[in-house]
Structures are given as C-alpha cells and as structure tokens.
Amino acid sequence: MHLYDTDMAVNINRDDEELYRKAAKLITDTVNTYSNLFKGRKSEKEILYMALVDIALRFEKTDKRNDTLPYHHILSQLTQEIEEVL
C-alpha cells in the first residue's frame, strides 16, 4: 500500500482491499494538501498530525451524523405509547 511518500506491506482481507485503497488515497491526498500549504513552515511531523486530525474530525462528524441512538429512543417511546393506547 502506498501512503503519501511511503510504501507499506500489509496483509488484509481481500473483501476490504478497496476500502484500504480508498483510505490510502484519503491519507495521501490530505497529507499532500497540508504539505502544499505548510511545507517549509511546519515540520513533517506537524503536517502529518494536521492530516491525522483532519481525517479524525471527518470521522467524528460522520459518526455523530449517523448516530441512531436518539431515533431509537424516540421510536421506543412512540411504540410504548401506541401499545398503551391499544
């Protein structure tokens, strides 16, 4: 797998290969973006951390948007109220 400027050997489940390729592309693209913006002004380590935080933030926002617990709670309440009425 190629990540930014590094080739890595990884053993993966064949079913996950496309996901790994997309993840590697996301990492490479994100690091390239921050590198283009901050090369020479920030260390490579700082640039990598910026990319890491960017990707983690995207994950957290998506995870929050896809949180079904509030909907499950509301549906449980509605179900209970309907059963009480019936």
N, C-alpha and C. Protein backbone atom coordinates (compact mmCIF):
# COMPACT_ATOMS: atom_id res chain seq x y z
N MET A 1 0.85 -1.16 0.00
CA MET A 1 0.00 0.00 0.00
C MET A 1 0.90 1.22 0.00
N HIS A 2 0.53 2.20 -0.79
CA HIS A 2 1.30 3.44 -0.87
C HIS A 2 0.58 4.52 -0.08
N LEU A 3 1.26 5.08 0.92
CA LEU A 3 0.73 6.17 1.73
C LEU A 3 1.67 7.35 1.63
N TYR A 4 1.19 8.42 1.03
CA TYR A 4 1.94 9.66 0.88
C TYR A 4 3.29 9.38 0.21
N ASP A 5 4.37 9.26 1.00
CA ASP A 5 5.68 9.00 0.41
C ASP A 5 6.27 7.67 0.88
N THR A 6 5.39 6.77 1.33
CA THR A 6 5.85 5.51 1.91
C THR A 6 5.08 4.34 1.33
N ASP A 7 5.81 3.28 1.00
CA ASP A 7 5.19 2.03 0.59
C ASP A 7 5.21 1.10 1.80
N MET A 8 4.06 0.51 2.08
CA MET A 8 3.92 -0.38 3.23
C MET A 8 3.38 -1.73 2.78
N ALA A 9 3.93 -2.78 3.36
CA ALA A 9 3.39 -4.11 3.12
C ALA A 9 2.33 -4.37 4.18
N VAL A 10 1.14 -4.75 3.74
CA VAL A 10 0.06 -5.05 4.68
C VAL A 10 -0.64 -6.33 4.25
N ASN A 11 -1.09 -7.07 5.23
CA ASN A 11 -1.92 -8.25 4.98
C ASN A 11 -3.34 -7.87 5.32
N ILE A 12 -4.22 -7.99 4.34
CA ILE A 12 -5.61 -7.58 4.55
C ILE A 12 -6.54 -8.65 4.01
N ASN A 13 -7.76 -8.57 4.46
CA ASN A 13 -8.82 -9.41 3.92
C ASN A 13 -9.14 -8.88 2.52
N ARG A 14 -9.23 -9.76 1.56
CA ARG A 14 -9.48 -9.34 0.18
C ARG A 14 -10.77 -8.52 0.06
N ASP A 15 -11.75 -8.82 0.88
CA ASP A 15 -13.01 -8.06 0.84
C ASP A 15 -12.82 -6.60 1.23
N ASP A 16 -11.77 -6.32 1.98
CA ASP A 16 -11.50 -4.95 2.45
C ASP A 16 -10.51 -4.20 1.57
N GLU A 17 -10.02 -4.82 0.51
CA GLU A 17 -8.97 -4.22 -0.31
C GLU A 17 -9.37 -2.84 -0.85
N GLU A 18 -10.56 -2.72 -1.38
CA GLU A 18 -11.00 -1.43 -1.93
C GLU A 18 -11.04 -0.36 -0.84
N LEU A 19 -11.50 -0.74 0.36
CA LEU A 19 -11.55 0.22 1.47
C LEU A 19 -10.15 0.68 1.86
N TYR A 20 -9.20 -0.24 1.87
CA TYR A 20 -7.81 0.12 2.17
C TYR A 20 -7.25 1.07 1.11
N ARG A 21 -7.56 0.80 -0.14
CA ARG A 21 -7.08 1.67 -1.22
C ARG A 21 -7.68 3.07 -1.09
N LYS A 22 -8.96 3.14 -0.78
CA LYS A 22 -9.61 4.44 -0.60
C LYS A 22 -9.03 5.17 0.62
N ALA A 23 -8.77 4.42 1.70
CA ALA A 23 -8.18 5.02 2.89
C ALA A 23 -6.79 5.56 2.60
N ALA A 24 -6.00 4.79 1.86
CA ALA A 24 -4.65 5.23 1.49
C ALA A 24 -4.71 6.49 0.64
N LYS A 25 -5.66 6.54 -0.28
CA LYS A 25 -5.81 7.73 -1.13
C LYS A 25 -6.22 8.94 -0.29
N LEU A 26 -7.14 8.74 0.63
CA LEU A 26 -7.57 9.83 1.50
C LEU A 26 -6.39 10.36 2.32
N ILE A 27 -5.61 9.47 2.87
CA ILE A 27 -4.44 9.88 3.66
C ILE A 27 -3.46 10.64 2.79
N THR A 28 -3.14 10.09 1.63
CA THR A 28 -2.19 10.73 0.72
C THR A 28 -2.68 12.10 0.29
N ASP A 29 -3.93 12.19 -0.11
CA ASP A 29 -4.49 13.47 -0.56
C ASP A 29 -4.49 14.51 0.56
N THR A 30 -4.86 14.08 1.77
CA THR A 30 -4.92 15.00 2.90
C THR A 30 -3.53 15.49 3.29
N VAL A 31 -2.57 14.57 3.35
CA VAL A 31 -1.20 14.97 3.68
C VAL A 31 -0.65 15.89 2.59
N ASN A 32 -0.92 15.58 1.33
CA ASN A 32 -0.46 16.44 0.23
C ASN A 32 -1.04 17.86 0.36
N THR A 33 -2.31 17.95 0.71
CA THR A 33 -2.95 19.26 0.87
C THR A 33 -2.24 20.07 1.95
N TYR A 34 -2.05 19.46 3.12
CA TYR A 34 -1.38 20.18 4.22
C TYR A 34 0.09 20.44 3.90
N SER A 35 0.72 19.52 3.21
CA SER A 35 2.11 19.71 2.83
C SER A 35 2.26 20.90 1.89
N ASN A 36 1.36 21.00 0.92
CA ASN A 36 1.40 22.13 -0.01
C ASN A 36 1.18 23.46 0.70
N LEU A 37 0.35 23.45 1.73
CA LEU A 37 0.05 24.68 2.46
C LEU A 37 1.15 25.09 3.44
N PHE A 38 1.79 24.10 4.07
CA PHE A 38 2.67 24.41 5.19
C PHE A 38 4.12 23.95 5.03
N LYS A 39 4.48 23.39 3.90
CA LYS A 39 5.86 22.92 3.68
C LYS A 39 6.84 24.08 3.88
N GLY A 40 7.85 23.85 4.70
CA GLY A 40 8.83 24.88 4.98
C GLY A 40 8.49 25.74 6.19
N ARG A 41 7.21 25.72 6.58
CA ARG A 41 6.79 26.49 7.75
C ARG A 41 6.49 25.59 8.94
N LYS A 42 6.15 24.34 8.67
CA LYS A 42 5.84 23.36 9.72
C LYS A 42 6.69 22.12 9.47
N SER A 43 6.98 21.40 10.54
CA SER A 43 7.74 20.16 10.39
C SER A 43 6.88 19.10 9.72
N GLU A 44 7.52 18.08 9.17
CA GLU A 44 6.77 17.00 8.53
C GLU A 44 5.87 16.31 9.55
N LYS A 45 6.35 16.18 10.77
CA LYS A 45 5.56 15.56 11.83
C LYS A 45 4.29 16.37 12.10
N GLU A 46 4.41 17.69 12.17
CA GLU A 46 3.25 18.55 12.39
C GLU A 46 2.26 18.43 11.24
N ILE A 47 2.77 18.37 10.03
CA ILE A 47 1.91 18.22 8.85
C ILE A 47 1.15 16.90 8.90
N LEU A 48 1.84 15.83 9.30
CA LEU A 48 1.19 14.53 9.43
C LEU A 48 0.10 14.57 10.51
N TYR A 49 0.39 15.24 11.62
CA TYR A 49 -0.60 15.36 12.68
C TYR A 49 -1.80 16.19 12.22
N MET A 50 -1.56 17.24 11.46
CA MET A 50 -2.68 18.03 10.92
C MET A 50 -3.58 17.16 10.06
N ALA A 51 -2.98 16.35 9.21
CA ALA A 51 -3.75 15.46 8.35
C ALA A 51 -4.51 14.44 9.20
N LEU A 52 -3.86 13.93 10.22
CA LEU A 52 -4.49 12.95 11.10
C LEU A 52 -5.70 13.55 11.81
N VAL A 53 -5.56 14.75 12.32
CA VAL A 53 -6.68 15.42 12.99
C VAL A 53 -7.80 15.70 11.99
N ASP A 54 -7.45 16.14 10.80
CA ASP A 54 -8.45 16.41 9.76
C ASP A 54 -9.28 15.15 9.48
N ILE A 55 -8.62 14.03 9.27
CA ILE A 55 -9.32 12.78 8.96
C ILE A 55 -10.13 12.30 10.16
N ALA A 56 -9.57 12.42 11.36
CA ALA A 56 -10.29 12.01 12.56
C ALA A 56 -11.54 12.88 12.76
N LEU A 57 -11.42 14.16 12.49
CA LEU A 57 -12.56 15.07 12.62
C LEU A 57 -13.66 14.70 11.63
N ARG A 58 -13.28 14.37 10.41
CA ARG A 58 -14.27 13.92 9.43
C ARG A 58 -15.00 12.69 9.93
N PHE A 59 -14.22 11.76 10.49
CA PHE A 59 -14.81 10.52 11.03
C PHE A 59 -15.79 10.84 12.15
N GLU A 60 -15.39 11.69 13.08
CA GLU A 60 -16.25 12.03 14.22
C GLU A 60 -17.53 12.72 13.76
N LYS A 61 -17.42 13.62 12.79
CA LYS A 61 -18.62 14.30 12.27
C LYS A 61 -19.57 13.29 11.61
N THR A 62 -19.02 12.38 10.83
CA THR A 62 -19.83 11.36 10.17
C THR A 62 -20.46 10.44 11.19
N ASP A 63 -19.68 10.05 12.19
CA ASP A 63 -20.18 9.17 13.24
C ASP A 63 -21.32 9.85 14.00
N LYS A 64 -21.17 11.12 14.29
CA LYS A 64 -22.20 11.87 15.00
C LYS A 64 -23.46 11.99 14.16
N ARG A 65 -23.28 12.25 12.86
CA ARG A 65 -24.42 12.38 11.94
C ARG A 65 -25.17 11.05 11.81
N ASN A 66 -24.46 9.95 11.92
CA ASN A 66 -25.05 8.63 11.75
C ASN A 66 -25.47 7.99 13.06
N ASP A 67 -25.44 8.74 14.16
CA ASP A 67 -25.83 8.21 15.46
C ASP A 67 -27.34 7.96 15.46
N THR A 68 -27.73 6.72 15.57
CA THR A 68 -29.15 6.36 15.52
C THR A 68 -29.76 6.22 16.91
N LEU A 69 -28.97 6.35 17.96
CA LEU A 69 -29.48 6.19 19.31
C LEU A 69 -30.65 7.13 19.62
N PRO A 70 -30.58 8.43 19.29
CA PRO A 70 -31.73 9.30 19.57
C PRO A 70 -33.00 8.83 18.84
N TYR A 71 -32.86 8.36 17.61
CA TYR A 71 -34.02 7.88 16.86
C TYR A 71 -34.57 6.61 17.48
N HIS A 72 -33.68 5.74 17.92
CA HIS A 72 -34.10 4.50 18.57
C HIS A 72 -34.88 4.82 19.85
N HIS A 73 -34.41 5.79 20.59
CA HIS A 73 -35.08 6.20 21.83
C HIS A 73 -36.48 6.73 21.53
N ILE A 74 -36.60 7.59 20.54
CA ILE A 74 -37.90 8.16 20.17
C ILE A 74 -38.85 7.07 19.68
N LEU A 75 -38.33 6.16 18.85
CA LEU A 75 -39.17 5.06 18.36
C LEU A 75 -39.64 4.17 19.50
N SER A 76 -38.79 3.93 20.46
CA SER A 76 -39.18 3.13 21.62
C SER A 76 -40.28 3.81 22.40
N GLN A 77 -40.16 5.12 22.60
CA GLN A 77 -41.20 5.87 23.31
C GLN A 77 -42.52 5.83 22.54
N LEU A 78 -42.45 6.05 21.23
CA LEU A 78 -43.68 6.02 20.42
C LEU A 78 -44.33 4.64 20.44
N THR A 79 -43.52 3.61 20.35
CA THR A 79 -44.02 2.25 20.40
C THR A 79 -44.72 1.97 21.72
N GLN A 80 -44.10 2.42 22.80
CA GLN A 80 -44.68 2.23 24.12
C GLN A 80 -46.02 2.96 24.24
N GLU A 81 -46.06 4.18 23.76
CA GLU A 81 -47.31 4.97 23.82
C GLU A 81 -48.41 4.33 22.98
N ILE A 82 -48.07 3.82 21.80
CA ILE A 82 -49.04 3.16 20.93
C ILE A 82 -49.57 1.90 21.61
N GLU A 83 -48.69 1.13 22.22
CA GLU A 83 -49.11 -0.11 22.88
C GLU A 83 -50.01 0.20 24.07
N GLU A 84 -49.73 1.30 24.78
CA GLU A 84 -50.57 1.67 25.91
C GLU A 84 -51.97 2.05 25.43
N VAL A 85 -52.06 2.73 24.31
CA VAL A 85 -53.36 3.15 23.77
C VAL A 85 -54.14 1.92 23.27
N LEU A 86 -53.45 0.98 22.67
CA LEU A 86 -54.15 -0.20 22.15
C LEU A 86 -54.55 -1.09 23.30
